[in-house]
C-alpha atoms as a PDB file:
ATOM      1  CA  MET A   1      48.936 -61.939  40.330  1.00  0.00           C
ATOM      2  CA  SER A   2      50.881 -62.677  43.511  1.00  0.00           C
ATOM      3  CA  ASP A   3      48.466 -65.534  44.288  1.00  0.00           C
ATOM      4  CA  LEU A   4      49.335 -67.357  41.075  1.00  0.00           C
ATOM      5  CA  ASP A   5      51.498 -70.445  41.351  1.00  0.00           C
ATOM      6  CA  PHE A   6      53.788 -69.990  38.376  1.00  0.00           C
ATOM      7  CA  ARG A   7      55.651 -73.210  39.057  1.00  0.00           C
ATOM      8  CA  THR A   8      52.406 -75.182  38.713  1.00  0.00           C
ATOM      9  CA  TYR A   9      51.609 -73.409  35.449  1.00  0.00           C
ATOM     10  CA  TRP A  10      55.151 -74.115  34.248  1.00  0.00           C
ATOM     11  CA  ASP A  11      55.019 -77.776  35.186  1.00  0.00           C
ATOM     12  CA  SER A  12      51.760 -78.290  33.273  1.00  0.00           C
ATOM     13  CA  ALA A  13      52.715 -76.124  30.277  1.00  0.00           C
ATOM     14  CA  TYR A  14      53.725 -77.353  26.842  1.00  0.00           C
ATOM     15  CA  THR A  15      57.311 -77.509  25.712  1.00  0.00           C
ATOM     16  CA  TRP A  16      57.902 -75.701  22.427  1.00  0.00           C
ATOM     17  CA  GLU A  17      58.231 -78.990  20.564  1.00  0.00           C
ATOM     18  CA  ASP A  18      55.016 -80.407  22.028  1.00  0.00           C
ATOM     19  CA  TYR A  19      53.110 -77.220  21.293  1.00  0.00           C
ATOM     20  CA  LEU A  20      54.347 -76.878  17.721  1.00  0.00           C
ATOM     21  CA  ASN A  21      53.937 -80.541  16.845  1.00  0.00           C
ATOM     22  CA  GLY A  22      50.758 -81.321  18.750  1.00  0.00           C
ATOM     23  CA  GLU A  23      48.781 -78.154  19.392  1.00  0.00           C
ATOM     24  CA  VAL A  24      49.311 -75.894  16.378  1.00  0.00           C
ATOM     25  CA  LYS A  25      46.486 -76.623  13.951  1.00  0.00           C
ATOM     26  CA  LYS A  26      45.593 -73.141  12.739  1.00  0.00           C
ATOM     27  CA  LEU A  27      48.179 -71.032  10.920  1.00  0.00           C
ATOM     28  CA  GLU A  28      50.486 -74.056  11.066  1.00  0.00           C
ATOM     29  CA  GLU A  29      52.394 -73.062   7.941  1.00  0.00           C
ATOM     30  CA  LEU A  30      53.074 -69.603   9.384  1.00  0.00           C
ATOM     31  CA  TRP A  31      54.215 -70.989  12.777  1.00  0.00           C
ATOM     32  CA  ARG A  32      56.559 -73.474  11.113  1.00  0.00           C
ATOM     33  CA  GLY A  33      57.812 -70.976   8.533  1.00  0.00           C
ATOM     34  CA  VAL A  34      58.669 -68.303  11.092  1.00  0.00           C
ATOM     35  CA  TYR A  35      60.419 -70.913  13.249  1.00  0.00           C
ATOM     36  CA  ALA A  36      62.383 -72.275  10.279  1.00  0.00           C
ATOM     37  CA  ARG A  37      63.587 -68.777   9.342  1.00  0.00           C
ATOM     38  CA  ALA A  38      64.182 -67.516  12.894  1.00  0.00           C
ATOM     39  CA  VAL A  39      67.797 -66.675  13.606  1.00  0.00           C
ATOM     40  CA  VAL A  40      69.006 -65.214  16.883  1.00  0.00           C
ATOM     41  CA  PRO A  41      71.362 -62.382  15.939  1.00  0.00           C
ATOM     42  CA  GLU A  42      74.890 -62.238  17.334  1.00  0.00           C
ATOM     43  CA  TRP A  43      74.092 -59.205  19.509  1.00  0.00           C
ATOM     44  CA  ALA A  44      71.294 -61.176  21.217  1.00  0.00           C
ATOM     45  CA  LEU A  45      73.540 -64.192  21.769  1.00  0.00           C
ATOM     46  CA  GLU A  46      76.192 -61.994  23.374  1.00  0.00           C
ATOM     47  CA  ARG A  47      73.718 -60.147  25.558  1.00  0.00           C
ATOM     48  CA  GLY A  48      71.796 -63.281  26.461  1.00  0.00           C
ATOM     49  CA  GLY A  49      74.975 -65.003  27.538  1.00  0.00           C
ATOM     50  CA  THR A  50      75.443 -62.508  30.373  1.00  0.00           C
ATOM     51  CA  ILE A  51      72.006 -62.285  31.980  1.00  0.00           C
ATOM     52  CA  GLY A  52      71.628 -65.418  34.103  1.00  0.00           C
ATOM     53  CA  ASP A  53      68.835 -68.008  34.197  1.00  0.00           C
ATOM     54  CA  TRP A  54      65.300 -67.154  33.077  1.00  0.00           C
ATOM     55  CA  LYS A  55      62.005 -68.778  32.248  1.00  0.00           C
ATOM     56  CA  MET A  56      59.463 -67.451  29.750  1.00  0.00           C
ATOM     57  CA  LEU A  57      55.919 -68.666  30.357  1.00  0.00           C
ATOM     58  CA  VAL A  58      54.064 -67.687  27.194  1.00  0.00           C
ATOM     59  CA  ILE A  59      50.287 -67.368  27.046  1.00  0.00           C
ATOM     60  CA  THR A  60      49.227 -68.053  23.477  1.00  0.00           C
ATOM     61  CA  GLU A  61      46.825 -69.730  21.026  1.00  0.00           C
ATOM     62  CA  ASP A  62      47.574 -71.195  17.625  1.00  0.00           C
ATOM     63  CA  TRP A  63      45.091 -68.961  15.777  1.00  0.00           C
ATOM     64  CA  CYS A  64      46.839 -65.733  16.808  1.00  0.00           C
ATOM     65  CA  GLY A  65      48.789 -64.003  14.053  1.00  0.00           C
ATOM     66  CA  ASP A  66      50.933 -62.050  16.519  1.00  0.00           C
ATOM     67  CA  ALA A  67      51.792 -65.277  18.353  1.00  0.00           C
ATOM     68  CA  SER A  68      52.738 -67.076  15.155  1.00  0.00           C
ATOM     69  CA  ASN A  69      55.137 -64.231  14.315  1.00  0.00           C
ATOM     70  CA  THR A  70      56.783 -63.880  17.749  1.00  0.00           C
ATOM     71  CA  VAL A  71      56.574 -67.107  19.767  1.00  0.00           C
ATOM     72  CA  PRO A  72      58.723 -69.114  17.304  1.00  0.00           C
ATOM     73  CA  VAL A  73      61.416 -66.432  17.674  1.00  0.00           C
ATOM     74  CA  MET A  74      61.195 -66.725  21.468  1.00  0.00           C
ATOM     75  CA  ALA A  75      61.505 -70.495  21.111  1.00  0.00           C
ATOM     76  CA  ARG A  76      64.602 -70.112  18.966  1.00  0.00           C
ATOM     77  CA  LEU A  77      66.141 -67.825  21.620  1.00  0.00           C
ATOM     78  CA  ALA A  78      65.550 -70.469  24.287  1.00  0.00           C
ATOM     79  CA  GLU A  79      66.952 -73.112  21.971  1.00  0.00           C
ATOM     80  CA  VAL A  80      70.291 -71.362  21.461  1.00  0.00           C
ATOM     81  CA  LEU A  81      70.697 -69.962  24.997  1.00  0.00           C
ATOM     82  CA  PRO A  82      70.565 -72.752  27.599  1.00  0.00           C
ATOM     83  CA  SER A  83      70.065 -70.176  30.384  1.00  0.00           C
ATOM     84  CA  ILE A  84      66.628 -69.317  28.969  1.00  0.00           C
ATOM     85  CA  GLN A  85      63.755 -71.785  29.007  1.00  0.00           C
ATOM     86  CA  ILE A  86      60.314 -71.503  27.433  1.00  0.00           C
ATOM     87  CA  ARG A  87      56.957 -73.137  28.074  1.00  0.00           C
ATOM     88  CA  LEU A  88      53.578 -72.348  26.534  1.00  0.00           C
ATOM     89  CA  VAL A  89      50.062 -72.319  27.948  1.00  0.00           C
ATOM     90  CA  LYS A  90      46.834 -71.862  26.084  1.00  0.00           C
ATOM     91  CA  ARG A  91      45.010 -68.649  26.857  1.00  0.00           C
ATOM     92  CA  ASP A  92      41.556 -70.152  26.643  1.00  0.00           C
ATOM     93  CA  GLU A  93      42.408 -72.961  29.079  1.00  0.00           C
ATOM     94  CA  ASN A  94      44.088 -70.680  31.633  1.00  0.00           C
ATOM     95  CA  ALA A  95      41.663 -67.826  32.284  1.00  0.00           C
ATOM     96  CA  GLU A  96      43.002 -66.976  35.743  1.00  0.00           C
ATOM     97  CA  LEU A  97      46.546 -66.632  34.439  1.00  0.00           C
ATOM     98  CA  MET A  98      45.437 -64.680  31.377  1.00  0.00           C
ATOM     99  CA  ASP A  99      43.284 -62.336  33.440  1.00  0.00           C
ATOM    100  CA  ALA A 100      46.311 -61.409  35.548  1.00  0.00           C
ATOM    101  CA  PHE A 101      48.022 -60.045  32.420  1.00  0.00           C
ATOM    102  CA  LEU A 102      45.322 -58.197  30.492  1.00  0.00           C
ATOM    103  CA  THR A 103      46.231 -55.552  27.931  1.00  0.00           C
ATOM    104  CA  ASN A 104      43.945 -52.544  28.389  1.00  0.00           C
ATOM    105  CA  GLY A 105      41.298 -54.902  29.789  1.00  0.00           C
ATOM    106  CA  SER A 106      41.626 -57.308  26.870  1.00  0.00           C
ATOM    107  CA  ARG A 107      42.846 -60.923  26.724  1.00  0.00           C
ATOM    108  CA  SER A 108      45.382 -60.022  24.039  1.00  0.00           C
ATOM    109  CA  ILE A 109      48.084 -62.560  23.246  1.00  0.00           C
ATOM    110  CA  PRO A 110      50.813 -63.591  23.177  1.00  0.00           C
ATOM    111  CA  ILE A 111      52.002 -62.559  26.615  1.00  0.00           C
ATOM    112  CA  ALA A 112      55.446 -63.684  27.735  1.00  0.00           C
ATOM    113  CA  VAL A 113      55.714 -63.745  31.522  1.00  0.00           C
ATOM    114  CA  VAL A 114      59.418 -63.537  32.348  1.00  0.00           C
ATOM    115  CA  LEU A 115      60.155 -65.484  35.529  1.00  0.00           C
ATOM    116  CA  ARG A 116      63.171 -65.422  37.800  1.00  0.00           C
ATOM    117  CA  PRO A 117      64.601 -68.700  39.159  1.00  0.00           C
ATOM    118  CA  ASP A 118      62.518 -68.197  42.336  1.00  0.00           C
ATOM    119  CA  TRP A 119      59.296 -68.091  40.226  1.00  0.00           C
ATOM    120  CA  THR A 120      58.657 -64.379  40.745  1.00  0.00           C
ATOM    121  CA  VAL A 121      57.738 -62.176  37.800  1.00  0.00           C
ATOM    122  CA  ALA A 122      60.513 -59.951  36.456  1.00  0.00           C
ATOM    123  CA  GLY A 123      58.255 -58.483  33.785  1.00  0.00           C
ATOM    124  CA  THR A 124      55.977 -59.202  30.868  1.00  0.00           C
ATOM    125  CA  TRP A 125      56.109 -58.692  27.147  1.00  0.00           C
ATOM    126  CA  GLY A 126      53.251 -58.588  24.677  1.00  0.00           C
ATOM    127  CA  PRO A 127      50.974 -58.823  22.905  1.00  0.00           C
ATOM    128  CA  ARG A 128      53.211 -57.393  20.198  1.00  0.00           C
ATOM    129  CA  PRO A 129      56.281 -55.132  19.999  1.00  0.00           C
ATOM    130  CA  ALA A 130      55.505 -51.675  21.449  1.00  0.00           C
ATOM    131  CA  GLU A 131      56.155 -49.822  18.184  1.00  0.00           C
ATOM    132  CA  LEU A 132      53.825 -52.154  16.300  1.00  0.00           C
ATOM    133  CA  GLN A 133      51.201 -52.022  19.052  1.00  0.00           C
ATOM    134  CA  ASP A 134      51.176 -48.209  18.835  1.00  0.00           C
ATOM    135  CA  PHE A 135      50.751 -48.408  15.055  1.00  0.00           C
ATOM    136  CA  VAL A 136      47.839 -50.870  15.273  1.00  0.00           C
ATOM    137  CA  LEU A 137      46.015 -48.931  17.993  1.00  0.00           C
ATOM    138  CA  THR A 138      46.475 -45.627  16.152  1.00  0.00           C
ATOM    139  CA  GLU A 139      45.277 -47.079  12.843  1.00  0.00           C
ATOM    140  CA  LYS A 140      42.242 -48.754  14.400  1.00  0.00           C
ATOM    141  CA  LYS A 141      41.307 -45.619  16.329  1.00  0.00           C
ATOM    142  CA  ALA A 142      41.547 -43.491  13.180  1.00  0.00           C
ATOM    143  CA  GLY A 143      39.167 -45.895  11.435  1.00  0.00           C
ATOM    144  CA  LEU A 144      40.324 -44.830   7.979  1.00  0.00           C
ATOM    145  CA  ARG A 145      41.440 -48.208   6.668  1.00  0.00           C
ATOM    146  CA  PRO A 146      39.939 -51.679   6.693  1.00  0.00           C
ATOM    147  CA  VAL A 147      41.341 -53.944   9.420  1.00  0.00           C
ATOM    148  CA  ASP A 148      42.598 -56.365   6.751  1.00  0.00           C
ATOM    149  CA  ASP A 149      44.793 -53.576   5.331  1.00  0.00           C
ATOM    150  CA  ILE A 150      46.172 -52.785   8.776  1.00  0.00           C
ATOM    151  CA  TYR A 151      47.018 -56.447   9.386  1.00  0.00           C
ATOM    152  CA  ARG A 152      48.696 -56.696   5.987  1.00  0.00           C
ATOM    153  CA  ASP A 153      51.023 -53.916   7.192  1.00  0.00           C
ATOM    154  CA  VAL A 154      51.505 -55.804  10.475  1.00  0.00           C
ATOM    155  CA  ARG A 155      52.620 -58.909   8.596  1.00  0.00           C
ATOM    156  CA  ARG A 156      55.080 -56.824   6.555  1.00  0.00           C
ATOM    157  CA  TRP A 157      56.446 -55.257   9.734  1.00  0.00           C
ATOM    158  CA  TYR A 158      57.043 -58.674  11.279  1.00  0.00           C
ATOM    159  CA  ALA A 159      58.742 -59.947   8.123  1.00  0.00           C
ATOM    160  CA  LYS A 160      61.085 -56.958   8.015  1.00  0.00           C
ATOM    161  CA  ASP A 161      61.833 -56.996  11.777  1.00  0.00           C
ATOM    162  CA  ARG A 162      62.558 -60.750  11.914  1.00  0.00           C
ATOM    163  CA  GLY A 163      61.871 -60.853  15.662  1.00  0.00           C
ATOM    164  CA  GLU A 164      64.673 -58.496  16.656  1.00  0.00           C
ATOM    165  CA  THR A 165      62.407 -56.010  18.456  1.00  0.00           C
ATOM    166  CA  THR A 166      60.803 -58.828  20.435  1.00  0.00           C
ATOM    167  CA  LEU A 167      64.183 -60.272  21.408  1.00  0.00           C
ATOM    168  CA  ARG A 168      65.483 -56.859  22.455  1.00  0.00           C
ATOM    169  CA  ALA A 169      62.477 -56.214  24.700  1.00  0.00           C
ATOM    170  CA  LEU A 170      62.664 -59.648  26.339  1.00  0.00           C
ATOM    171  CA  LEU A 171      66.389 -59.350  26.954  1.00  0.00           C
ATOM    172  CA  ASP A 172      65.822 -55.866  28.415  1.00  0.00           C
ATOM    173  CA  ILE A 173      63.397 -57.368  30.955  1.00  0.00           C
ATOM    174  CA  MET A 174      65.897 -60.069  31.858  1.00  0.00           C
ATOM    175  CA  ALA A 175      68.827 -57.637  32.120  1.00  0.00           C
ATOM    176  CA  ALA A 176      66.830 -55.387  34.457  1.00  0.00           C
ATOM    177  CA  GLY A 177      65.744 -58.478  36.322  1.00  0.00           C
END
C-alpha cells in the first residue's frame, strides 16, 4: 500500500457529479434515490466541522448494492462540509489499488480510503457498516436462508439507518486521524 500514489489516483478519479451523471448505468434509480433522500444529520455537521481537511477516495462500481446505499451518503457529507472532499474510482479499472484494500481476501466494495492532506492513509471504511457486515457474514455462514432473503434484510437495514452508521464510522476515522 505504501507504494501507491494516492495523489495520482485522486487526480484521475471521478468527481461525484461526473460519476453519478456519466458512469452510473446499473441501479441508477437506487443511486439517485438514496442521494436525493440523503441528509447529513446535525450531529455529523457539528462533528465534521471540527476535524480538519480530509479526502475520501472511494473504490466502487455502479452495480454494487452496498455502494448505491452508502456512496451517495458520503457524497452528501462532502457536499455540505467543505473540509471533506470525495472522488470515486472504479474497482475493475484499478486492480492494484483495490488489491491493497481487500476484505478477507475479497475485492469487496465500496471501500473508502480516508486520506490526510499529505496523501497518507488515515484509515479505510467498507465494504459496509460493521454491524451489517457481521449480520451478512453470519447469515451466509449459517446457510439457512436464500441469499435474496438476506439481501432484502440488508436493504431494509440501509433504509432504516439512512447512512448514519457509515457517517459515524468515517468521522471516527477522521477524528482519530
